Amino acid sequence: MTTYIKPTFWILLVFICTSFTVFSQEIPDDDQSRKAMNIFLDAEKNKMLENYPEAIKLYEKTLQVDPNYDPAMFELGRLYVMQQKYEEALMWLGKAHQLDSQNKWYSLLLIDLYRNNYQISEAIDVYKILLDQEPNNTEFLLSVSGLYTIAEDYTQALSSLDRIEEIDGKSEKVSFQKRSLFLQQKEIDKAIEVMISLSEAFPEEEKYCSMIAEMYMQEQKHDEALVWYQKVLKINPNNPYIQITLADFYGKSGDTEKAWEYLKEGYLNPNLDIDTKVQVLVNYFDASAKNQETMIKSRAYELAEILVNTHPDNPKSHAIYGDLFYSDSLYLEASQQFMTVIELDSTRYPVWQQLLYSLSMLSDNKNMADYSFRAMEQFPELEFPYYVNAISNFQLGHIDQVINSIERGLYFASNEALIEQFHMFLGDAYHEKGESSKAYENYDKCLAINPENSFVLNNYAYYLSLENRELEKAAEMAKKAVELDPNENNTDTYGWVLYQLGQYDEALKYIEESVNMTKKPSAVVYEHLGDVYLKLSDIKKAKSYWKKAKKAGGDPLVLDEKIKQD
């Protein structure tokens, strides 16, 4: 026994020593392991202190001591991700995963890096390992399904989703994902089947029925769609959106009466949001504008009235009603609705603008002045309210307010056409105040912008003629005004300027032309004609026209004195 045991012992001893020598570089001894762990813990401490450069050095030093210390590889990967050094991160995470493919945290971070680097097949391979460990993990199954979808492997993507349903049963999230996959493959019938299966699992969920109906509608399968729309109504008879949808459905099917019935029912429902109602009314509004059909228009008004009655405190309802009136030139009704909008919400400038337009069409100068002033105060940088305020106050005889509004408005005005109008009104206002120099200064500015403003040319020329000054300039402007717009006022002005220049025959020609242009010439034109005949020594005709001037409303004191002449 002894001689047999000794060789065996020595052979075993040699084997042990040889093994130690061979693996001494691969398997760290206790000192090496402790040293690597100590360096690693020091690296962790620096990472917690956010001293990342030092932490990276220490993780790398850990791996110099123990090249297979995979936690250090993982932490290096994480830090490189933080620094957006994805190539380095991917390298270290890949090595960590190779050493410990069962570590879930290694796998999940590596998957994210692969996915972000568009290495989809590699990410899928890592998920396969995870699913070998946790075959019922539905989060993994859902994520890998998404990766299969990116890779356009729809069979595997659907298989993963089927597996989730085997584990958890039907769910909206998974069914919607399956529907999306079938739609991407243009397999509409299968997508519909998925939604029908979901609806059967949740029979009280009306939105699934609506979605199925819409999918059938897209396929022009109206009868099948109607079945599912009716299921929605059965689940929730007061669903306002399905009422509007059915109105659209019957409208497309040509059953206008049924469509109107559902539309009105939905519109009366206070649970239907006002934006949807406004959009429906806009469609009716457009249809009535295009077709001018009495029935469509009357129904548009009926819907608008329902809207303001159902949502009386919402400015949108009154705004759309006002728009409808405005489109039919019903400016009084439109202005009333726009005023209500402003009382509810004064921040919407387009409504102010439409109100001002409506009031101007009504020649309601008092409200024009009031509301334009409010608009000026609320929107001081916008020029249009100043213009409206000037016009209305001019008509009301509030000349100082005209001047104030225009001079304020000119500061903000950028539109040349409007600036031209501002100077024109400012010239008229200063003339009304008897400040001729300022009036002519503004007329000049107006004509500098538009030399063919016949209204200013006429007024400027006429006022100069009344003052008997710069008559040649006045004649030139008056002539141009006639050429641009040969109306009775311009023609009379040119004739009167010629009269002031002593060109009586030419004056007679133009003033007579002015008289003949209208059935009811003004008292001023008759008086001018009388004055010309006087200069031409035809006192009989002169008196005749002065009498006509008096009858037309001219100043009786002035005209009586002229008529008394021999």
Foldseek 3Di string as FASTA:
>chain_A
DVVVVVVVVVVVVVVVVVVCVVCPVQDDDPVLVVVLVVLLVVLVVCVVVVVNVSSLVSLVVSCVSPVLPLVSLQVNLVSCVVVVVLVSSLVSLVSSCVSPLPDPVSLVVNLVSCVVVVVLVVNLVSLVSVCVVVVQPLVSLQVNLVSCVVVVVNVSSVVSLVSNCVRVNDDPVSLVVNLVSCVVVVNLVVNLVSLVVNCVVVVLDLVSLQVSLVSCVVVVNLVSSVVSLVSSCVSPVLPLVSLQVVLVSVVVVVNNVSSLVSPVSSLLRLPDDVVVLLVVLVVLLVVCVVPVDPVSLVSSLVSLVSQCVSCVLALSSLQSNLVSCVVVLVLVSSLVSLVSSCVNPVPDVVSLVSNLVSCVVVLVLVVLLVSLVVVCVVPVLDQVSLLSNLVSCVVVVVLVSNLVSLVSSVVNDDDLVVLLVSLQSNLVSCVVVVNNVSSVVSLVVSCVSPVQPLVSLLVVLQVCLVVLPPLVSSLVSLVSSCVSPVALSSLQSNLSSCVSVVVLVSSLVSLVVSVVRDPQDALVSLQSNLVSVVSVVNNVSSLVSLVSSVVRPDDCVVSVVSNPDD
